[in-house]
C-alpha atoms as a PDB file:
ATOM      1  CA  MET A   1       4.772   6.190  16.010  1.00  0.00           C
ATOM      2  CA  ALA A   2       5.422   6.385  12.268  1.00  0.00           C
ATOM      3  CA  LYS A   3       8.434   8.452  11.239  1.00  0.00           C
ATOM      4  CA  PHE A   4       8.357  10.622   8.148  1.00  0.00           C
ATOM      5  CA  GLY A   5      11.196  11.995   6.055  1.00  0.00           C
ATOM      6  CA  LYS A   6      11.702  15.750   5.865  1.00  0.00           C
ATOM      7  CA  ARG A   7      10.017  16.002   2.455  1.00  0.00           C
ATOM      8  CA  LEU A   8       6.896  14.117   3.541  1.00  0.00           C
ATOM      9  CA  LYS A   9       6.827  15.853   6.919  1.00  0.00           C
ATOM     10  CA  ASN A  10       6.797  19.229   5.187  1.00  0.00           C
ATOM     11  CA  ALA A  11       3.957  18.050   2.960  1.00  0.00           C
ATOM     12  CA  ARG A  12       1.923  16.998   6.013  1.00  0.00           C
ATOM     13  CA  ASP A  13       2.391  20.300   7.812  1.00  0.00           C
ATOM     14  CA  GLY A  14      -0.822  22.293   7.761  1.00  0.00           C
ATOM     15  CA  LEU A  15      -2.887  19.355   6.510  1.00  0.00           C
ATOM     16  CA  ASN A  16      -6.054  18.661   8.466  1.00  0.00           C
ATOM     17  CA  PHE A  17      -6.643  14.920   8.189  1.00  0.00           C
ATOM     18  CA  GLU A  18     -10.162  15.296   9.585  1.00  0.00           C
ATOM     19  CA  LYS A  19     -11.173  17.672   6.816  1.00  0.00           C
ATOM     20  CA  VAL A  20     -12.724  16.707   3.494  1.00  0.00           C
ATOM     21  CA  TYR A  21     -11.237  19.050   0.899  1.00  0.00           C
ATOM     22  CA  SER A  22     -12.679  20.218  -2.396  1.00  0.00           C
ATOM     23  CA  ILE A  23     -11.255  18.547  -5.492  1.00  0.00           C
ATOM     24  CA  ALA A  24      -9.479  21.784  -6.437  1.00  0.00           C
ATOM     25  CA  GLU A  25      -7.834  22.037  -3.007  1.00  0.00           C
ATOM     26  CA  ALA A  26      -6.837  18.366  -3.041  1.00  0.00           C
ATOM     27  CA  ILE A  27      -5.239  18.582  -6.484  1.00  0.00           C
ATOM     28  CA  SER A  28      -3.300  21.707  -5.570  1.00  0.00           C
ATOM     29  CA  MET A  29      -1.985  20.199  -2.323  1.00  0.00           C
ATOM     30  CA  ILE A  30      -1.114  16.851  -3.899  1.00  0.00           C
ATOM     31  CA  LYS A  31       0.846  18.476  -6.719  1.00  0.00           C
ATOM     32  CA  LYS A  32       2.654  20.786  -4.293  1.00  0.00           C
ATOM     33  CA  ALA A  33       3.707  17.778  -2.213  1.00  0.00           C
ATOM     34  CA  ALA A  34       4.829  15.696  -5.221  1.00  0.00           C
ATOM     35  CA  THR A  35       8.491  16.705  -5.016  1.00  0.00           C
ATOM     36  CA  ALA A  36      10.183  13.400  -5.877  1.00  0.00           C
ATOM     37  CA  LYS A  37      12.880  13.384  -8.540  1.00  0.00           C
ATOM     38  CA  PHE A  38      10.508  11.764 -11.027  1.00  0.00           C
ATOM     39  CA  ASP A  39       7.068  12.592 -12.388  1.00  0.00           C
ATOM     40  CA  GLU A  40       4.884  11.047  -9.701  1.00  0.00           C
ATOM     41  CA  THR A  41       1.660   9.285 -10.609  1.00  0.00           C
ATOM     42  CA  ILE A  42      -1.526  10.846  -9.253  1.00  0.00           C
ATOM     43  CA  GLU A  43      -3.701   8.090  -7.832  1.00  0.00           C
ATOM     44  CA  ILE A  44      -7.272   7.883  -6.639  1.00  0.00           C
ATOM     45  CA  SER A  45      -8.798   5.472  -4.135  1.00  0.00           C
ATOM     46  CA  VAL A  46     -12.577   5.231  -3.912  1.00  0.00           C
ATOM     47  CA  MET A  47     -14.284   3.294  -1.135  1.00  0.00           C
ATOM     48  CA  LEU A  48     -17.575   1.994  -2.472  1.00  0.00           C
ATOM     49  CA  GLY A  49     -20.691   1.102  -0.524  1.00  0.00           C
ATOM     50  CA  ILE A  50     -20.845  -2.441  -1.857  1.00  0.00           C
ATOM     51  CA  ASP A  51     -20.691  -5.900  -0.348  1.00  0.00           C
ATOM     52  CA  PRO A  52     -17.481  -7.275  -1.889  1.00  0.00           C
ATOM     53  CA  THR A  53     -18.403 -10.811  -0.793  1.00  0.00           C
ATOM     54  CA  LYS A  54     -21.287 -10.823  -3.279  1.00  0.00           C
ATOM     55  CA  GLN A  55     -20.302 -11.534  -6.856  1.00  0.00           C
ATOM     56  CA  ASP A  56     -23.172  -9.470  -8.266  1.00  0.00           C
ATOM     57  CA  GLN A  57     -21.789  -6.380  -6.506  1.00  0.00           C
ATOM     58  CA  ALA A  58     -18.335  -6.560  -8.039  1.00  0.00           C
ATOM     59  CA  VAL A  59     -17.512  -3.347  -9.902  1.00  0.00           C
ATOM     60  CA  ARG A  60     -15.263  -3.759 -12.925  1.00  0.00           C
ATOM     61  CA  ASN A  61     -15.104  -2.001 -16.279  1.00  0.00           C
ATOM     62  CA  VAL A  62     -13.001   0.342 -18.376  1.00  0.00           C
ATOM     63  CA  VAL A  63     -13.103   4.114 -18.830  1.00  0.00           C
ATOM     64  CA  SER A  64     -11.319   6.428 -21.243  1.00  0.00           C
ATOM     65  CA  LEU A  65      -9.704   9.308 -19.393  1.00  0.00           C
ATOM     66  CA  PRO A  66      -9.994  12.541 -21.423  1.00  0.00           C
ATOM     67  CA  ASN A  67      -6.367  13.473 -20.754  1.00  0.00           C
ATOM     68  CA  GLY A  68      -4.823  10.019 -20.672  1.00  0.00           C
ATOM     69  CA  THR A  69      -2.734   8.699 -17.789  1.00  0.00           C
ATOM     70  CA  GLY A  70       0.718   9.847 -18.803  1.00  0.00           C
ATOM     71  CA  LYS A  71       1.747   6.203 -18.956  1.00  0.00           C
ATOM     72  CA  THR A  72       2.749   4.309 -22.084  1.00  0.00           C
ATOM     73  CA  TYR A  73       0.902   0.997 -22.246  1.00  0.00           C
ATOM     74  CA  ARG A  74       2.438  -2.019 -23.943  1.00  0.00           C
ATOM     75  CA  VAL A  75      -0.276  -3.990 -25.706  1.00  0.00           C
ATOM     76  CA  ALA A  76      -0.171  -7.660 -26.693  1.00  0.00           C
ATOM     77  CA  VAL A  77      -2.651  -9.020 -29.233  1.00  0.00           C
ATOM     78  CA  PHE A  78      -3.569 -12.643 -29.863  1.00  0.00           C
ATOM     79  CA  ALA A  79      -4.450 -12.652 -33.557  1.00  0.00           C
ATOM     80  CA  LYS A  80      -3.597 -14.227 -36.897  1.00  0.00           C
ATOM     81  CA  ASP A  81      -3.497 -13.266 -40.554  1.00  0.00           C
ATOM     82  CA  GLN A  82      -5.466 -10.105 -41.434  1.00  0.00           C
ATOM     83  CA  LYS A  83      -6.229  -9.229 -37.800  1.00  0.00           C
ATOM     84  CA  ALA A  84      -2.563  -9.570 -36.923  1.00  0.00           C
ATOM     85  CA  ASP A  85      -1.713  -7.163 -39.752  1.00  0.00           C
ATOM     86  CA  GLU A  86      -4.364  -4.709 -38.502  1.00  0.00           C
ATOM     87  CA  ALA A  87      -2.977  -4.928 -34.970  1.00  0.00           C
ATOM     88  CA  ARG A  88       0.545  -4.261 -36.213  1.00  0.00           C
ATOM     89  CA  LYS A  89      -0.540  -1.178 -38.144  1.00  0.00           C
ATOM     90  CA  ALA A  90      -2.517   0.070 -35.113  1.00  0.00           C
ATOM     91  CA  GLY A  91       0.605   0.030 -32.954  1.00  0.00           C
ATOM     92  CA  ALA A  92       0.379  -3.222 -30.987  1.00  0.00           C
ATOM     93  CA  ASP A  93       3.660  -4.013 -29.260  1.00  0.00           C
ATOM     94  CA  ILE A  94       3.455  -7.809 -29.397  1.00  0.00           C
ATOM     95  CA  ILE A  95       1.376  -9.901 -31.787  1.00  0.00           C
ATOM     96  CA  GLY A  96       1.129 -13.652 -31.956  1.00  0.00           C
ATOM     97  CA  ALA A  97      -0.823 -16.845 -31.502  1.00  0.00           C
ATOM     98  CA  GLU A  98       0.811 -20.111 -30.437  1.00  0.00           C
ATOM     99  CA  ASP A  99       4.138 -18.308 -30.103  1.00  0.00           C
ATOM    100  CA  LEU A 100       2.603 -15.704 -27.783  1.00  0.00           C
ATOM    101  CA  VAL A 101       1.036 -18.447 -25.679  1.00  0.00           C
ATOM    102  CA  GLU A 102       4.478 -20.040 -25.366  1.00  0.00           C
ATOM    103  CA  MET A 103       5.949 -16.709 -24.250  1.00  0.00           C
ATOM    104  CA  VAL A 104       3.341 -16.428 -21.492  1.00  0.00           C
ATOM    105  CA  GLN A 105       3.878 -20.045 -20.414  1.00  0.00           C
ATOM    106  CA  ASN A 106       7.581 -19.264 -20.052  1.00  0.00           C
ATOM    107  CA  GLY A 107       6.800 -16.289 -17.827  1.00  0.00           C
ATOM    108  CA  ASN A 108       7.739 -13.750 -20.480  1.00  0.00           C
ATOM    109  CA  MET A 109       4.996 -11.104 -20.422  1.00  0.00           C
ATOM    110  CA  PRO A 110       6.418  -7.720 -21.454  1.00  0.00           C
ATOM    111  CA  PHE A 111       3.001  -6.091 -21.806  1.00  0.00           C
ATOM    112  CA  ASP A 112       0.456  -4.201 -19.682  1.00  0.00           C
ATOM    113  CA  ARG A 113      -2.801  -5.047 -21.470  1.00  0.00           C
ATOM    114  CA  CYS A 114      -3.910  -7.958 -23.601  1.00  0.00           C
ATOM    115  CA  ILE A 115      -6.381  -8.182 -26.511  1.00  0.00           C
ATOM    116  CA  ALA A 116      -7.617 -11.211 -28.437  1.00  0.00           C
ATOM    117  CA  THR A 117      -9.846 -11.847 -31.397  1.00  0.00           C
ATOM    118  CA  PRO A 118     -12.760 -14.215 -30.567  1.00  0.00           C
ATOM    119  CA  ASP A 119     -11.318 -17.109 -32.572  1.00  0.00           C
ATOM    120  CA  MET A 120      -8.153 -16.970 -30.466  1.00  0.00           C
ATOM    121  CA  MET A 121      -9.899 -17.493 -27.126  1.00  0.00           C
ATOM    122  CA  PRO A 122      -9.608 -21.316 -27.063  1.00  0.00           C
ATOM    123  CA  LEU A 123      -5.876 -20.795 -27.479  1.00  0.00           C
ATOM    124  CA  VAL A 124      -5.720 -17.997 -24.912  1.00  0.00           C
ATOM    125  CA  GLY A 125      -7.605 -20.248 -22.489  1.00  0.00           C
ATOM    126  CA  ARG A 126      -4.475 -22.367 -22.163  1.00  0.00           C
ATOM    127  CA  VAL A 127      -2.785 -19.536 -20.279  1.00  0.00           C
ATOM    128  CA  GLY A 128      -5.881 -18.216 -18.489  1.00  0.00           C
ATOM    129  CA  LYS A 129      -4.534 -19.320 -15.104  1.00  0.00           C
ATOM    130  CA  ILE A 130      -1.451 -17.194 -15.727  1.00  0.00           C
ATOM    131  CA  LEU A 131      -3.085 -14.116 -17.251  1.00  0.00           C
ATOM    132  CA  GLY A 132      -6.156 -14.090 -14.988  1.00  0.00           C
ATOM    133  CA  PRO A 133      -4.476 -13.454 -11.619  1.00  0.00           C
ATOM    134  CA  LYS A 134      -2.461 -10.646 -13.198  1.00  0.00           C
ATOM    135  CA  GLY A 135      -5.602  -8.965 -14.554  1.00  0.00           C
ATOM    136  CA  LEU A 136      -4.452  -9.548 -18.127  1.00  0.00           C
ATOM    137  CA  MET A 137      -7.017 -12.064 -19.354  1.00  0.00           C
ATOM    138  CA  PRO A 138      -8.930 -10.704 -22.382  1.00  0.00           C
ATOM    139  CA  ASN A 139     -12.587 -10.140 -21.556  1.00  0.00           C
ATOM    140  CA  PRO A 140     -15.442  -9.328 -23.975  1.00  0.00           C
ATOM    141  CA  LYS A 141     -17.163  -7.166 -21.337  1.00  0.00           C
ATOM    142  CA  LEU A 142     -14.061  -4.966 -21.204  1.00  0.00           C
ATOM    143  CA  GLY A 143     -13.736  -4.757 -24.957  1.00  0.00           C
ATOM    144  CA  THR A 144     -10.534  -6.794 -25.061  1.00  0.00           C
ATOM    145  CA  VAL A 145     -12.061  -9.764 -26.875  1.00  0.00           C
ATOM    146  CA  THR A 146     -13.048  -8.201 -30.160  1.00  0.00           C
ATOM    147  CA  GLN A 147     -12.764  -8.325 -33.926  1.00  0.00           C
ATOM    148  CA  ASP A 148     -12.113  -4.582 -33.912  1.00  0.00           C
ATOM    149  CA  VAL A 149      -8.542  -4.807 -32.686  1.00  0.00           C
ATOM    150  CA  VAL A 150      -7.703  -1.386 -34.114  1.00  0.00           C
ATOM    151  CA  THR A 151     -10.207   0.446 -31.895  1.00  0.00           C
ATOM    152  CA  ALA A 152      -9.233  -1.630 -28.862  1.00  0.00           C
ATOM    153  CA  ILE A 153      -5.530  -0.859 -29.289  1.00  0.00           C
ATOM    154  CA  LYS A 154      -6.086   2.840 -29.894  1.00  0.00           C
ATOM    155  CA  SER A 155      -8.403   3.078 -26.863  1.00  0.00           C
ATOM    156  CA  ILE A 156      -5.835   1.535 -24.536  1.00  0.00           C
ATOM    157  CA  LYS A 157      -2.939   3.578 -25.858  1.00  0.00           C
ATOM    158  CA  GLY A 158      -5.115   6.709 -25.819  1.00  0.00           C
ATOM    159  CA  GLY A 159      -5.768   6.605 -22.077  1.00  0.00           C
ATOM    160  CA  GLN A 160      -8.334   3.906 -21.414  1.00  0.00           C
ATOM    161  CA  ILE A 161      -7.869   2.300 -18.007  1.00  0.00           C
ATOM    162  CA  GLU A 162      -9.443  -0.704 -16.363  1.00  0.00           C
ATOM    163  CA  TYR A 163     -10.810  -0.377 -12.847  1.00  0.00           C
ATOM    164  CA  ARG A 164     -12.051  -3.023 -10.445  1.00  0.00           C
ATOM    165  CA  SER A 165     -13.204  -3.181  -6.863  1.00  0.00           C
ATOM    166  CA  GLU A 166     -10.877  -5.119  -4.592  1.00  0.00           C
ATOM    167  CA  LYS A 167     -11.969  -7.504  -1.836  1.00  0.00           C
ATOM    168  CA  ASN A 168     -12.404  -4.587   0.572  1.00  0.00           C
ATOM    169  CA  GLY A 169     -14.664  -2.697  -1.842  1.00  0.00           C
ATOM    170  CA  ILE A 170     -12.053  -0.090  -2.808  1.00  0.00           C
ATOM    171  CA  VAL A 171     -11.146   0.922  -6.354  1.00  0.00           C
ATOM    172  CA  HIS A 172      -7.576   2.124  -6.949  1.00  0.00           C
ATOM    173  CA  ALA A 173      -6.499   3.772 -10.198  1.00  0.00           C
ATOM    174  CA  GLY A 174      -3.763   5.973 -11.601  1.00  0.00           C
ATOM    175  CA  ILE A 175      -5.396   8.981 -13.216  1.00  0.00           C
ATOM    176  CA  GLY A 176      -2.491  11.168 -14.320  1.00  0.00           C
ATOM    177  CA  LYS A 177       0.907  12.599 -13.508  1.00  0.00           C
ATOM    178  CA  ALA A 178       2.015  15.400 -11.205  1.00  0.00           C
ATOM    179  CA  SER A 179       3.109  17.304 -14.312  1.00  0.00           C
ATOM    180  CA  PHE A 180      -0.496  17.416 -15.580  1.00  0.00           C
ATOM    181  CA  SER A 181      -2.398  20.670 -15.247  1.00  0.00           C
ATOM    182  CA  ASP A 182      -4.936  20.953 -12.427  1.00  0.00           C
ATOM    183  CA  ASP A 183      -7.715  20.995 -14.998  1.00  0.00           C
ATOM    184  CA  ALA A 184      -6.479  17.807 -16.699  1.00  0.00           C
ATOM    185  CA  ILE A 185      -6.372  15.938 -13.383  1.00  0.00           C
ATOM    186  CA  ASP A 186      -9.804  17.290 -12.423  1.00  0.00           C
ATOM    187  CA  LYS A 187     -11.359  16.072 -15.670  1.00  0.00           C
ATOM    188  CA  ASN A 188      -9.754  12.644 -15.351  1.00  0.00           C
ATOM    189  CA  VAL A 189     -11.016  12.276 -11.775  1.00  0.00           C
ATOM    190  CA  ARG A 190     -14.533  13.229 -12.802  1.00  0.00           C
ATOM    191  CA  ALA A 191     -14.485  10.802 -15.730  1.00  0.00           C
ATOM    192  CA  LEU A 192     -13.555   7.905 -13.454  1.00  0.00           C
ATOM    193  CA  VAL A 193     -16.034   8.832 -10.722  1.00  0.00           C
ATOM    194  CA  ASP A 194     -18.796   9.210 -13.312  1.00  0.00           C
ATOM    195  CA  ALA A 195     -17.968   5.742 -14.650  1.00  0.00           C
ATOM    196  CA  LEU A 196     -18.107   4.294 -11.123  1.00  0.00           C
ATOM    197  CA  VAL A 197     -21.517   5.866 -10.507  1.00  0.00           C
ATOM    198  CA  LYS A 198     -22.845   4.395 -13.756  1.00  0.00           C
ATOM    199  CA  ALA A 199     -21.454   0.998 -12.752  1.00  0.00           C
ATOM    200  CA  LYS A 200     -23.266   0.970  -9.394  1.00  0.00           C
ATOM    201  CA  PRO A 201     -24.604  -2.548  -8.754  1.00  0.00           C
ATOM    202  CA  VAL A 202     -28.373  -2.872  -8.403  1.00  0.00           C
ATOM    203  CA  GLY A 203     -27.934  -4.600  -5.048  1.00  0.00           C
ATOM    204  CA  ALA A 204     -25.783  -1.863  -3.495  1.00  0.00           C
ATOM    205  CA  LYS A 205     -27.661  -0.115  -0.691  1.00  0.00           C
ATOM    206  CA  GLY A 206     -27.019   3.130   1.188  1.00  0.00           C
ATOM    207  CA  ALA A 207     -24.195   5.541   0.414  1.00  0.00           C
ATOM    208  CA  TYR A 208     -22.293   4.384  -2.659  1.00  0.00           C
ATOM    209  CA  LEU A 209     -19.308   6.755  -2.904  1.00  0.00           C
ATOM    210  CA  LYS A 210     -18.290   6.507   0.739  1.00  0.00           C
ATOM    211  CA  LYS A 211     -14.820   8.040   0.623  1.00  0.00           C
ATOM    212  CA  MET A 212     -12.486   9.376  -2.074  1.00  0.00           C
ATOM    213  CA  ILE A 213      -8.780   9.961  -1.545  1.00  0.00           C
ATOM    214  CA  LEU A 214      -6.274  11.535  -3.899  1.00  0.00           C
ATOM    215  CA  SER A 215      -2.563  10.870  -3.496  1.00  0.00           C
ATOM    216  CA  SER A 216       0.732  10.737  -5.369  1.00  0.00           C
ATOM    217  CA  THR A 217       3.289   7.949  -5.608  1.00  0.00           C
ATOM    218  CA  MET A 218       5.556   9.257  -2.842  1.00  0.00           C
ATOM    219  CA  GLY A 219       3.278  11.821  -1.269  1.00  0.00           C
ATOM    220  CA  ILE A 220       0.344  12.341   1.026  1.00  0.00           C
ATOM    221  CA  GLY A 221      -3.269  11.219   0.718  1.00  0.00           C
ATOM    222  CA  ILE A 222      -6.095  13.750   0.909  1.00  0.00           C
ATOM    223  CA  GLN A 223      -9.792  13.020   1.245  1.00  0.00           C
ATOM    224  CA  PHE A 224     -11.936  15.071  -1.103  1.00  0.00           C
ATOM    225  CA  ILE A 225     -15.397  15.571  -2.549  1.00  0.00           C
ATOM    226  CA  LEU A 226     -16.603  16.719  -5.945  1.00  0.00           C
ATOM    227  CA  ASP A 227     -18.604  19.919  -6.133  1.00  0.00           C
END
């Protein structure tokens, strides 16, 4: 039988794991249980009614959370000349071309998201096998291969997150911090769920949002529904 520390055991007391709570109840309970000595991340897991073995049912996109995530994203931009200057002014953390490719090849990747102008993609392709598995490869469908580097940078730093269904058909995402207000977390959850609904694959049959669970970094997980 699993053993729980005193803090987690106290959080589990009174929790009915068979019950599906309202979003308001789930947020309140999650925040109450988030008693670690740091500002825990509030995370959501959504089990989708898709067939993850079919490529046309993969769910992947980006969504801007109205209240951000509480996380500071480090952004790297593959660009030259004028676009590099624009990226620098927009707040990009790392900007480069061949030198940035060399950094990646050497395993030095001090960034969380990656953007590239279209003309840089042949160069970026050299490190695709490194960036791809880490979910860092620029992608035009996600708005990270673009001439408008300013908007892309500001979107990421302003709270835009990328979500994707894993091989078991579940989407995991951080949608805030325990220090956020209940209303801020609620609005972020709804923004992500709305994006998932809009991204429903044509081939997905039956119930689509099968289960939604809210949790914190060191805390409990609570199943919930939106009213």
